[in-house]
Amino acid sequence: GRIEGILQRAIEAIEWCSSDPICITDMMGAVNSYSHSV
């Protein structure tokens, strides 16, 4: 009754970032972090 809503809200919260579209297109990530779109 709690974890379901928390999981869904956690996914919805990162669907859009205040730095999009720069963030989702991987233009902000540090090169040495070996990451995408964060």
Full PDB file with SEQRES, HELIX, SHEET, SSBOND, CRYST1, ORIGX, SCALE, CONECT and MASTER records, all heavy atoms in Angstrom:
SEQRES   1 A   38  GLY ARG ILE GLU GLY ILE LEU GLN ARG ALA ILE GLU ALA          
SEQRES   2 A   38  ILE GLU TRP CYS SER SER ASP PRO ILE CYS ILE THR ASP          
SEQRES   3 A   38  MET MET GLY ALA VAL ASN SER TYR SER HIS SER VAL              
HELIX    1 AA1 ILE A    3  GLU A   15  1                                  13    
HELIX    2 AA2 VAL A   31  SER A   33  5                                   3    
CRYST1    1.000    1.000    1.000  90.00  90.00  90.00 P 1           1          
ORIGX1      1.000000  0.000000  0.000000        0.00000                         
ORIGX2      0.000000  1.000000  0.000000        0.00000                         
ORIGX3      0.000000  0.000000  1.000000        0.00000                         
SCALE1      1.000000  0.000000  0.000000        0.00000                         
SCALE2      0.000000  1.000000  0.000000        0.00000                         
SCALE3      0.000000  0.000000  1.000000        0.00000                         
ATOM      1  N   GLY A   1       0.797  -1.210   0.000  1.00  0.00           N  
ATOM      2  CA  GLY A   1       0.000   0.000   0.000  1.00  0.00           C  
ATOM      3  C   GLY A   1       0.834   1.266   0.000  1.00  0.00           C  
ATOM      4  O   GLY A   1       0.310   2.355  -0.255  1.00  0.00           O  
ATOM      5  N   ARG A   2       2.128   1.120   0.305  1.00  0.00           N  
ATOM      6  CA  ARG A   2       3.013   2.283   0.295  1.00  0.00           C  
ATOM      7  C   ARG A   2       4.089   2.177  -0.778  1.00  0.00           C  
ATOM      8  O   ARG A   2       4.331   3.122  -1.520  1.00  0.00           O  
ATOM      9  CB  ARG A   2       3.698   2.446   1.659  1.00  0.00           C  
ATOM     10  CG  ARG A   2       2.767   2.839   2.783  1.00  0.00           C  
ATOM     11  CD  ARG A   2       3.559   3.066   4.066  1.00  0.00           C  
ATOM     12  NE  ARG A   2       2.695   3.458   5.172  1.00  0.00           N  
ATOM     13  CZ  ARG A   2       3.126   3.708   6.408  1.00  0.00           C  
ATOM     14  NH1 ARG A   2       4.418   3.600   6.677  1.00  0.00           N  
ATOM     15  NH2 ARG A   2       2.275   4.057   7.364  1.00  0.00           N  
ATOM     16  N   ILE A   3       4.738   1.026  -0.853  1.00  0.00           N  
ATOM     17  CA  ILE A   3       5.888   0.895  -1.746  1.00  0.00           C  
ATOM     18  C   ILE A   3       5.481   1.048  -3.208  1.00  0.00           C  
ATOM     19  O   ILE A   3       6.261   1.546  -4.025  1.00  0.00           O  
ATOM     20  CB  ILE A   3       6.602  -0.462  -1.499  1.00  0.00           C  
ATOM     21  CG1 ILE A   3       7.912  -0.536  -2.287  1.00  0.00           C  
ATOM     22  CG2 ILE A   3       5.685  -1.624  -1.841  1.00  0.00           C  
ATOM     23  CD1 ILE A   3       8.916   0.526  -1.925  1.00  0.00           C  
ATOM     24  N   GLU A   4       4.242   0.648  -3.550  1.00  0.00           N  
ATOM     25  CA  GLU A   4       3.814   0.770  -4.946  1.00  0.00           C  
ATOM     26  C   GLU A   4       3.798   2.239  -5.376  1.00  0.00           C  
ATOM     27  O   GLU A   4       4.321   2.600  -6.441  1.00  0.00           O  
ATOM     28  CB  GLU A   4       2.412   0.172  -5.133  1.00  0.00           C  
ATOM     29  CG  GLU A   4       2.282  -1.260  -4.664  1.00  0.00           C  
ATOM     30  CD  GLU A   4       1.878  -1.360  -3.207  1.00  0.00           C  
ATOM     31  OE1 GLU A   4       1.946  -0.315  -2.499  1.00  0.00           O  
ATOM     32  OE2 GLU A   4       1.497  -2.448  -2.768  1.00  0.00           O  
ATOM     33  N   GLY A   5       3.218   3.091  -4.541  1.00  0.00           N  
ATOM     34  CA  GLY A   5       3.147   4.509  -4.878  1.00  0.00           C  
ATOM     35  C   GLY A   5       4.517   5.164  -4.876  1.00  0.00           C  
ATOM     36  O   GLY A   5       4.811   6.030  -5.718  1.00  0.00           O  
ATOM     37  N   ILE A   6       5.366   4.744  -3.926  1.00  0.00           N  
ATOM     38  CA  ILE A   6       6.712   5.325  -3.860  1.00  0.00           C  
ATOM     39  C   ILE A   6       7.498   4.996  -5.118  1.00  0.00           C  
ATOM     40  O   ILE A   6       8.171   5.864  -5.697  1.00  0.00           O  
ATOM     41  CB  ILE A   6       7.444   4.815  -2.603  1.00  0.00           C  
ATOM     42  CG1 ILE A   6       6.790   5.383  -1.343  1.00  0.00           C  
ATOM     43  CG2 ILE A   6       8.930   5.162  -2.652  1.00  0.00           C  
ATOM     44  CD1 ILE A   6       7.344   4.822  -0.057  1.00  0.00           C  
ATOM     45  N   LEU A   7       7.416   3.736  -5.571  1.00  0.00           N  
ATOM     46  CA  LEU A   7       8.137   3.338  -6.779  1.00  0.00           C  
ATOM     47  C   LEU A   7       7.639   4.110  -7.996  1.00  0.00           C  
ATOM     48  O   LEU A   7       8.445   4.623  -8.789  1.00  0.00           O  
ATOM     49  CB  LEU A   7       7.983   1.829  -6.999  1.00  0.00           C  
ATOM     50  CG  LEU A   7       8.627   1.266  -8.265  1.00  0.00           C  
ATOM     51  CD1 LEU A   7      10.129   1.491  -8.251  1.00  0.00           C  
ATOM     52  CD2 LEU A   7       8.301  -0.215  -8.430  1.00  0.00           C  
ATOM     53  N   GLN A   8       6.329   4.208  -8.147  1.00  0.00           N  
ATOM     54  CA  GLN A   8       5.775   4.917  -9.302  1.00  0.00           C  
ATOM     55  C   GLN A   8       6.134   6.403  -9.272  1.00  0.00           C  
ATOM     56  O   GLN A   8       6.501   6.980 -10.307  1.00  0.00           O  
ATOM     57  CB  GLN A   8       4.259   4.727  -9.345  1.00  0.00           C  
ATOM     58  CG  GLN A   8       3.840   3.295  -9.657  1.00  0.00           C  
ATOM     59  CD  GLN A   8       2.331   3.106  -9.620  1.00  0.00           C  
ATOM     60  OE1 GLN A   8       1.597   4.036  -9.333  1.00  0.00           O  
ATOM     61  NE2 GLN A   8       1.879   1.898  -9.912  1.00  0.00           N  
ATOM     62  N   ARG A   9       6.059   7.018  -8.101  1.00  0.00           N  
ATOM     63  CA  ARG A   9       6.404   8.432  -8.010  1.00  0.00           C  
ATOM     64  C   ARG A   9       7.895   8.667  -8.242  1.00  0.00           C  
ATOM     65  O   ARG A   9       8.298   9.707  -8.787  1.00  0.00           O  
ATOM     66  CB  ARG A   9       5.982   8.995  -6.653  1.00  0.00           C  
ATOM     67  CG  ARG A   9       4.469   9.145  -6.510  1.00  0.00           C  
ATOM     68  CD  ARG A   9       4.105   9.905  -5.250  1.00  0.00           C  
ATOM     69  NE  ARG A   9       4.385   9.157  -4.027  1.00  0.00           N  
ATOM     70  CZ  ARG A   9       3.556   8.287  -3.454  1.00  0.00           C  
ATOM     71  NH1 ARG A   9       2.384   8.019  -4.023  1.00  0.00           N  
ATOM     72  NH2 ARG A   9       3.882   7.668  -2.337  1.00  0.00           N  
ATOM     73  N   ALA A  10       8.726   7.705  -7.828  1.00  0.00           N  
ATOM     74  CA  ALA A  10      10.171   7.833  -8.062  1.00  0.00           C  
ATOM     75  C   ALA A  10      10.483   7.805  -9.548  1.00  0.00           C  
ATOM     76  O   ALA A  10      11.328   8.582 -10.027  1.00  0.00           O  
ATOM     77  CB  ALA A  10      10.915   6.711  -7.339  1.00  0.00           C  
ATOM     78  N   ILE A  11       9.802   6.931 -10.293  1.00  0.00           N  
ATOM     79  CA  ILE A  11      10.026   6.847 -11.745  1.00  0.00           C  
ATOM     80  C   ILE A  11       9.488   8.097 -12.431  1.00  0.00           C  
ATOM     81  O   ILE A  11      10.140   8.684 -13.310  1.00  0.00           O  
ATOM     82  CB  ILE A  11       9.369   5.584 -12.321  1.00  0.00           C  
ATOM     83  CG1 ILE A  11       9.933   4.327 -11.634  1.00  0.00           C  
ATOM     84  CG2 ILE A  11       9.578   5.507 -13.824  1.00  0.00           C  
ATOM     85  CD1 ILE A  11      11.412   4.138 -11.811  1.00  0.00           C  
ATOM     86  N   GLU A  12       8.307   8.526 -12.034  1.00  0.00           N  
ATOM     87  CA  GLU A  12       7.718   9.718 -12.651  1.00  0.00           C  
ATOM     88  C   GLU A  12       8.565  10.962 -12.379  1.00  0.00           C  
ATOM     89  O   GLU A  12       8.672  11.850 -13.233  1.00  0.00           O  
ATOM     90  CB  GLU A  12       6.304   9.934 -12.111  1.00  0.00           C  
ATOM     91  CG  GLU A  12       5.309   8.870 -12.566  1.00  0.00           C  
ATOM     92  CD  GLU A  12       3.979   8.975 -11.846  1.00  0.00           C  
ATOM     93  OE1 GLU A  12       3.867   9.856 -10.956  1.00  0.00           O  
ATOM     94  OE2 GLU A  12       3.067   8.189 -12.148  1.00  0.00           O  
ATOM     95  N   ALA A  13       9.201  11.029 -11.208  1.00  0.00           N  
ATOM     96  CA  ALA A  13       9.965  12.220 -10.837  1.00  0.00           C  
ATOM     97  C   ALA A  13      11.191  12.417 -11.713  1.00  0.00           C  
ATOM     98  O   ALA A  13      11.645  13.555 -11.897  1.00  0.00           O  
ATOM     99  CB  ALA A  13      10.383  12.142  -9.371  1.00  0.00           C  
ATOM    100  N   ILE A  14      11.744  11.306 -12.253  1.00  0.00           N  
ATOM    101  CA  ILE A  14      12.947  11.455 -13.076  1.00  0.00           C  
ATOM    102  C   ILE A  14      12.633  11.347 -14.564  1.00  0.00           C  
ATOM    103  O   ILE A  14      13.553  11.379 -15.390  1.00  0.00           O  
ATOM    104  CB  ILE A  14      14.016  10.410 -12.703  1.00  0.00           C  
ATOM    105  CG1 ILE A  14      13.531   8.982 -12.990  1.00  0.00           C  
ATOM    106  CG2 ILE A  14      14.440  10.559 -11.251  1.00  0.00           C  
ATOM    107  CD1 ILE A  14      14.623   7.950 -12.901  1.00  0.00           C  
ATOM    108  N   GLU A  15      11.328  11.212 -14.921  1.00  0.00           N  
ATOM    109  CA  GLU A  15      11.005  11.165 -16.348  1.00  0.00           C  
ATOM    110  C   GLU A  15      11.399  12.477 -17.012  1.00  0.00           C  
ATOM    111  O   GLU A  15      11.894  12.500 -18.143  1.00  0.00           O  
ATOM    112  CB  GLU A  15       9.511  10.910 -16.535  1.00  0.00           C  
ATOM    113  CG  GLU A  15       9.113  10.830 -18.005  1.00  0.00           C  
ATOM    114  CD  GLU A  15       7.619  10.638 -18.195  1.00  0.00           C  
ATOM    115  OE1 GLU A  15       6.861  10.770 -17.199  1.00  0.00           O  
ATOM    116  OE2 GLU A  15       7.202  10.360 -19.337  1.00  0.00           O  
ATOM    117  N   TRP A  16      11.158  13.565 -16.312  1.00  0.00           N  
ATOM    118  CA  TRP A  16      11.547  14.880 -16.816  1.00  0.00           C  
ATOM    119  C   TRP A  16      12.502  15.522 -15.824  1.00  0.00           C  
ATOM    120  O   TRP A  16      12.304  15.463 -14.615  1.00  0.00           O  
ATOM    121  CB  TRP A  16      10.324  15.772 -17.025  1.00  0.00           C  
ATOM    122  CG  TRP A  16       9.406  15.263 -18.080  1.00  0.00           C  
ATOM    123  CD1 TRP A  16       8.216  14.633 -17.889  1.00  0.00           C  
ATOM    124  CD2 TRP A  16       9.616  15.307 -19.488  1.00  0.00           C  
ATOM    125  NE1 TRP A  16       7.652  14.282 -19.092  1.00  0.00           N  
ATOM    126  CE2 TRP A  16       8.495  14.694 -20.103  1.00  0.00           C  
ATOM    127  CE3 TRP A  16      10.631  15.815 -20.304  1.00  0.00           C  
ATOM    128  CZ2 TRP A  16       8.363  14.565 -21.479  1.00  0.00           C  
ATOM    129  CZ3 TRP A  16      10.498  15.684 -21.678  1.00  0.00           C  
ATOM    130  CH2 TRP A  16       9.379  15.073 -22.248  1.00  0.00           C  
ATOM    131  N   CYS A  17      13.536  16.123 -16.354  1.00  0.00           N  
ATOM    132  CA  CYS A  17      14.542  16.803 -15.545  1.00  0.00           C  
ATOM    133  C   CYS A  17      14.486  18.287 -15.869  1.00  0.00           C  
ATOM    134  O   CYS A  17      14.228  18.669 -17.019  1.00  0.00           O  
ATOM    135  CB  CYS A  17      15.931  16.231 -15.850  1.00  0.00           C  
ATOM    136  SG  CYS A  17      17.303  17.139 -15.104  1.00  0.00           S  
ATOM    137  N   SER A  18      14.745  19.146 -14.889  1.00  0.00           N  
ATOM    138  CA  SER A  18      14.719  20.578 -15.134  1.00  0.00           C  
ATOM    139  C   SER A  18      15.806  21.020 -16.109  1.00  0.00           C  
ATOM    140  O   SER A  18      15.754  22.130 -16.636  1.00  0.00           O  
ATOM    141  CB  SER A  18      14.878  21.338 -13.812  1.00  0.00           C  
ATOM    142  OG  SER A  18      16.097  20.994 -13.180  1.00  0.00           O  
ATOM    143  N   SER A  19      16.767  20.139 -16.348  1.00  0.00           N  
ATOM    144  CA  SER A  19      17.832  20.457 -17.312  1.00  0.00           C  
ATOM    145  C   SER A  19      17.572  19.850 -18.687  1.00  0.00           C  
ATOM    146  O   SER A  19      18.445  19.945 -19.558  1.00  0.00           O  
ATOM    147  CB  SER A  19      19.177  19.961 -16.780  1.00  0.00           C  
ATOM    148  OG  SER A  19      19.522  20.585 -15.569  1.00  0.00           O  
ATOM    149  N   ASP A  20      16.424  19.204 -18.875  1.00  0.00           N  
ATOM    150  CA  ASP A  20      16.094  18.673 -20.204  1.00  0.00           C  
ATOM    151  C   ASP A  20      15.832  19.827 -21.167  1.00  0.00           C  
ATOM    152  O   ASP A  20      15.362  20.904 -20.750  1.00  0.00           O  
ATOM    153  CB  ASP A  20      14.852  17.778 -20.115  1.00  0.00           C  
ATOM    154  CG  ASP A  20      15.182  16.383 -19.615  1.00  0.00           C  
ATOM    155  OD1 ASP A  20      16.363  15.996 -19.695  1.00  0.00           O  
ATOM    156  OD2 ASP A  20      14.270  15.692 -19.134  1.00  0.00           O  
ATOM    157  N   PRO A  21      16.103  19.661 -22.463  1.00  0.00           N  
ATOM    158  CA  PRO A  21      16.548  18.431 -23.133  1.00  0.00           C  
ATOM    159  C   PRO A  21      18.053  18.204 -23.093  1.00  0.00           C  
ATOM    160  O   PRO A  21      18.548  17.214 -23.633  1.00  0.00           O  
ATOM    161  CB  PRO A  21      16.099  18.667 -24.577  1.00  0.00           C  
ATOM    162  CG  PRO A  21      16.219  20.143 -24.754  1.00  0.00           C  
ATOM    163  CD  PRO A  21      15.842  20.747 -23.436  1.00  0.00           C  
ATOM    164  N   ILE A  22      18.795  19.100 -22.433  1.00  0.00           N  
ATOM    165  CA  ILE A  22      20.248  18.938 -22.402  1.00  0.00           C  
ATOM    166  C   ILE A  22      20.636  17.679 -21.639  1.00  0.00           C  
ATOM    167  O   ILE A  22      21.539  16.940 -22.043  1.00  0.00           O  
ATOM    168  CB  ILE A  22      20.896  20.182 -21.757  1.00  0.00           C  
ATOM    169  CG1 ILE A  22      20.577  21.422 -22.584  1.00  0.00           C  
ATOM    170  CG2 ILE A  22      22.397  20.007 -21.644  1.00  0.00           C  
ATOM    171  CD1 ILE A  22      21.096  22.703 -21.959  1.00  0.00           C  
ATOM    172  N   CYS A  23      19.950  17.403 -20.530  1.00  0.00           N  
ATOM    173  CA  CYS A  23      20.314  16.247 -19.705  1.00  0.00           C  
ATOM    174  C   CYS A  23      20.007  14.935 -20.414  1.00  0.00           C  
ATOM    175  O   CYS A  23      20.863  14.056 -20.499  1.00  0.00           O  
ATOM    176  CB  CYS A  23      19.584  16.319 -18.363  1.00  0.00           C  
ATOM    177  SG  CYS A  23      19.883  14.909 -17.277  1.00  0.00           S  
ATOM    178  N   ILE A  24      18.800  14.763 -20.943  1.00  0.00           N  
ATOM    179  CA  ILE A  24      18.414  13.490 -21.542  1.00  0.00           C  
ATOM    180  C   ILE A  24      19.234  13.183 -22.789  1.00  0.00           C  
ATOM    181  O   ILE A  24      19.420  12.022 -23.161  1.00  0.00           O  
ATOM    182  CB  ILE A  24      16.901  13.481 -21.873  1.00  0.00           C  
ATOM    183  CG1 ILE A  24      16.419  12.052 -22.148  1.00  0.00           C  
ATOM    184  CG2 ILE A  24      16.597  14.409 -23.025  1.00  0.00           C  
ATOM    185  CD1 ILE A  24      16.530  11.121 -20.978  1.00  0.00           C  
ATOM    186  N   THR A  25      19.757  14.211 -23.450  1.00  0.00           N  
ATOM    187  CA  THR A  25      20.599  13.989 -24.629  1.00  0.00           C  
ATOM    188  C   THR A  25      22.062  13.833 -24.259  1.00  0.00           C  
ATOM    189  O   THR A  25      22.937  13.846 -25.137  1.00  0.00           O  
ATOM    190  CB  THR A  25      20.441  15.155 -25.622  1.00  0.00           C  
ATOM    191  OG1 THR A  25      20.686  16.395 -24.950  1.00  0.00           O  
ATOM    192  CG2 THR A  25      19.045  15.163 -26.222  1.00  0.00           C  
ATOM    193  N   ASP A  26      22.337  13.699 -22.974  1.00  0.00           N  
ATOM    194  CA  ASP A  26      23.679  13.387 -22.478  1.00  0.00           C  
ATOM    195  C   ASP A  26      24.689  14.490 -22.784  1.00  0.00           C  
ATOM    196  O   ASP A  26      25.832  14.223 -23.162  1.00  0.00           O  
ATOM    197  CB  ASP A  26      24.167  12.058 -23.060  1.00  0.00           C  
ATOM    198  CG  ASP A  26      25.316  11.456 -22.245  1.00  0.00           C  
ATOM    199  OD1 ASP A  26      25.403  11.774 -21.050  1.00  0.00           O  
ATOM    200  OD2 ASP A  26      26.123  10.691 -22.807  1.00  0.00           O  
ATOM    201  N   MET A  27      24.270  15.733 -22.612  1.00  0.00           N  
ATOM    202  CA  MET A  27      25.181  16.854 -22.849  1.00  0.00           C  
ATOM    203  C   MET A  27      25.698  17.462 -21.549  1.00  0.00           C  
ATOM    204  O   MET A  27      26.476  18.407 -21.570  1.00  0.00           O  
ATOM    205  CB  MET A  27      24.480  17.941 -23.674  1.00  0.00           C  
ATOM    206  CG  MET A  27      24.066  17.500 -25.058  1.00  0.00           C  
ATOM    207  SD  MET A  27      23.160  18.768 -25.974  1.00  0.00           S  
ATOM    208  CE  MET A  27      24.404  20.055 -26.130  1.00  0.00           C  
ATOM    209  N   MET A  28      25.275  16.884 -20.394  1.00  0.00           N  
ATOM    210  CA  MET A  28      25.688  17.440 -19.108  1.00  0.00           C  
ATOM    211  C   MET A  28      26.540  16.484 -18.293  1.00  0.00           C  
ATOM    212  O   MET A  28      27.171  16.889 -17.319  1.00  0.00           O  
ATOM    213  CB  MET A  28      24.462  17.822 -18.271  1.00  0.00           C  
ATOM    214  CG  MET A  28      23.626  18.924 -18.847  1.00  0.00           C  
ATOM    215  SD  MET A  28      22.320  19.421 -17.721  1.00  0.00           S  
ATOM    216  CE  MET A  28      23.246  20.080 -16.346  1.00  0.00           C  
ATOM    217  N   GLY A  29      26.558  15.210 -18.655  1.00  0.00           N  
ATOM    218  CA  GLY A  29      27.259  14.227 -17.855  1.00  0.00           C  
ATOM    219  C   GLY A  29      28.763  14.378 -17.923  1.00  0.00           C  
ATOM    220  O   GLY A  29      29.330  14.717 -18.960  1.00  0.00           O  
ATOM    221  N   ALA A  30      29.441  14.151 -16.790  1.00  0.00           N  
ATOM    222  CA  ALA A  30      30.902  14.174 -16.772  1.00  0.00           C  
ATOM    223  C   ALA A  30      31.436  12.975 -17.546  1.00  0.00           C  
ATOM    224  O   ALA A  30      30.920  11.858 -17.430  1.00  0.00           O  
ATOM    225  CB  ALA A  30      31.407  14.134 -15.332  1.00  0.00           C  
ATOM    226  N   VAL A  31      32.474  13.202 -18.334  1.00  0.00           N  
ATOM    227  CA  VAL A  31      33.009  12.138 -19.185  1.00  0.00           C  
ATOM    228  C   VAL A  31      33.515  10.968 -18.355  1.00  0.00           C  
ATOM    229  O   VAL A  31      33.326   9.806 -18.708  1.00  0.00           O  
ATOM    230  CB  VAL A  31      34.142  12.702 -20.074  1.00  0.00           C  
ATOM    231  CG1 VAL A  31      34.789  11.592 -20.887  1.00  0.00           C  
ATOM    232  CG2 VAL A  31      33.612  13.791 -20.985  1.00  0.00           C  
ATOM    233  N   ASN A  32      34.154  11.259 -17.225  1.00  0.00           N  
ATOM    234  CA  ASN A  32      34.745  10.190 -16.427  1.00  0.00           C  
ATOM    235  C   ASN A  32      33.756   9.541 -15.475  1.00  0.00           C  
ATOM    236  O   ASN A  32      34.154   8.780 -14.592  1.00  0.00           O  
ATOM    237  CB  ASN A  32      35.942  10.718 -15.639  1.00  0.00           C  
ATOM    238  CG  ASN A  32      35.580  11.848 -14.709  1.00  0.00           C  
ATOM    239  OD1 ASN A  32      34.451  12.340 -14.727  1.00  0.00           O  
ATOM    240  ND2 ASN A  32      36.529  12.273 -13.895  1.00  0.00           N  
ATOM    241  N   SER A  33      32.470   9.830 -15.596  1.00  0.00           N  
ATOM    242  CA  SER A  33      31.475   9.168 -14.751  1.00  0.00           C  
ATOM    243  C   SER A  33      30.906   7.929 -15.414  1.00  0.00           C  
ATOM    244  O   SER A  33      30.184   7.162 -14.780  1.00  0.00           O  
ATOM    245  CB  SER A  33      30.322  10.126 -14.406  1.00  0.00           C  
ATOM    246  OG  SER A  33      29.526  10.380 -15.543  1.00  0.00           O  
ATOM    247  N   TYR A  34      31.202   7.737 -16.713  1.00  0.00           N  
ATOM    248  CA  TYR A  34      30.735   6.559 -17.456  1.00  0.00           C  
ATOM    249  C   TYR A  34      29.217   6.434 -17.347  1.00  0.00           C  
ATOM    250  O   TYR A  34      28.676   5.349 -17.114  1.00  0.00           O  
ATOM    251  CB  TYR A  34      31.412   5.280 -16.947  1.00  0.00           C  
ATOM    252  CG  TYR A  34      32.852   5.476 -16.557  1.00  0.00           C  
ATOM    253  CD1 TYR A  34      33.261   5.362 -15.229  1.00  0.00           C  
ATOM    254  CD2 TYR A  34      33.812   5.802 -17.513  1.00  0.00           C  
ATOM    255  CE1 TYR A  34      34.577   5.564 -14.863  1.00  0.00           C  
ATOM    256  CE2 TYR A  34      35.145   6.008 -17.152  1.00  0.00           C  
ATOM    257  CZ  TYR A  34      35.512   5.886 -15.828  1.00  0.00           C  
ATOM    258  OH  TYR A  34      36.817   6.095 -15.469  1.00  0.00           O  
ATOM    259  N   SER A  35      28.525   7.557 -17.498  1.00  0.00           N  
ATOM    260  CA  SER A  35      27.075   7.593 -17.335  1.00  0.00           C  
ATOM    261  C   SER A  35      26.423   8.218 -18.559  1.00  0.00           C  
ATOM    262  O   SER A  35      27.085   8.804 -19.425  1.00  0.00           O  
ATOM    263  CB  SER A  35      26.687   8.391 -16.086  1.00  0.00           C  
ATOM    264  OG  SER A  35      27.204   7.799 -14.918  1.00  0.00           O  
ATOM    265  N   HIS A  36      25.108   8.077 -18.630  1.00  0.00           N  
ATOM    266  CA  HIS A  36      24.282   8.716 -19.649  1.00  0.00           C  
ATOM    267  C   HIS A  36      23.164   9.471 -18.947  1.00  0.00           C  
ATOM    268  O   HIS A  36      22.594   8.990 -17.961  1.00  0.00           O  
ATOM    269  CB  HIS A  36      23.634   7.675 -20.579  1.00  0.00           C  
ATOM    270  CG  HIS A  36      24.536   7.179 -21.662  1.00  0.00           C  
ATOM    271  ND1 HIS A  36      25.193   7.994 -22.554  1.00  0.00           N  
ATOM    272  CD2 HIS A  36      24.867   5.914 -22.026  1.00  0.00           C  
ATOM    273  CE1 HIS A  36      25.893   7.270 -23.410  1.00  0.00           C  
ATOM    274  NE2 HIS A  36      25.720   6.002 -23.094  1.00  0.00           N  
ATOM    275  N   SER A  37      22.813  10.619 -19.436  1.00  0.00           N  
ATOM    276  CA  SER A  37      21.560  11.307 -19.102  1.00  0.00           C  
ATOM    277  C   SER A  37      21.305  11.419 -17.601  1.00  0.00           C  
ATOM    278  O   SER A  37      20.243  11.043 -17.108  1.00  0.00           O  
ATOM    279  CB  SER A  37      20.380  10.573 -19.763  1.00  0.00           C  
ATOM    280  OG  SER A  37      20.589  10.467 -21.154  1.00  0.00           O  
ATOM    281  N   VAL A  38      22.281  11.939 -16.870  1.00  0.00           N  
ATOM    282  CA  VAL A  38      22.083  12.189 -15.440  1.00  0.00           C  
ATOM    283  C   VAL A  38      22.723  13.514 -15.076  1.00  0.00           C  
ATOM    284  O   VAL A  38      23.690  13.953 -15.701  1.00  0.00           O  
ATOM    285  CB  VAL A  38      22.683  11.076 -14.552  1.00  0.00           C  
ATOM    286  CG1 VAL A  38      21.923   9.791 -14.694  1.00  0.00           C  
ATOM    287  CG2 VAL A  38      24.165  10.875 -14.856  1.00  0.00           C  
TER     288      VAL A  38                                                      
MASTER        0    0    0    2    0    0    0    6  287    1    0    3          
END                                                                             
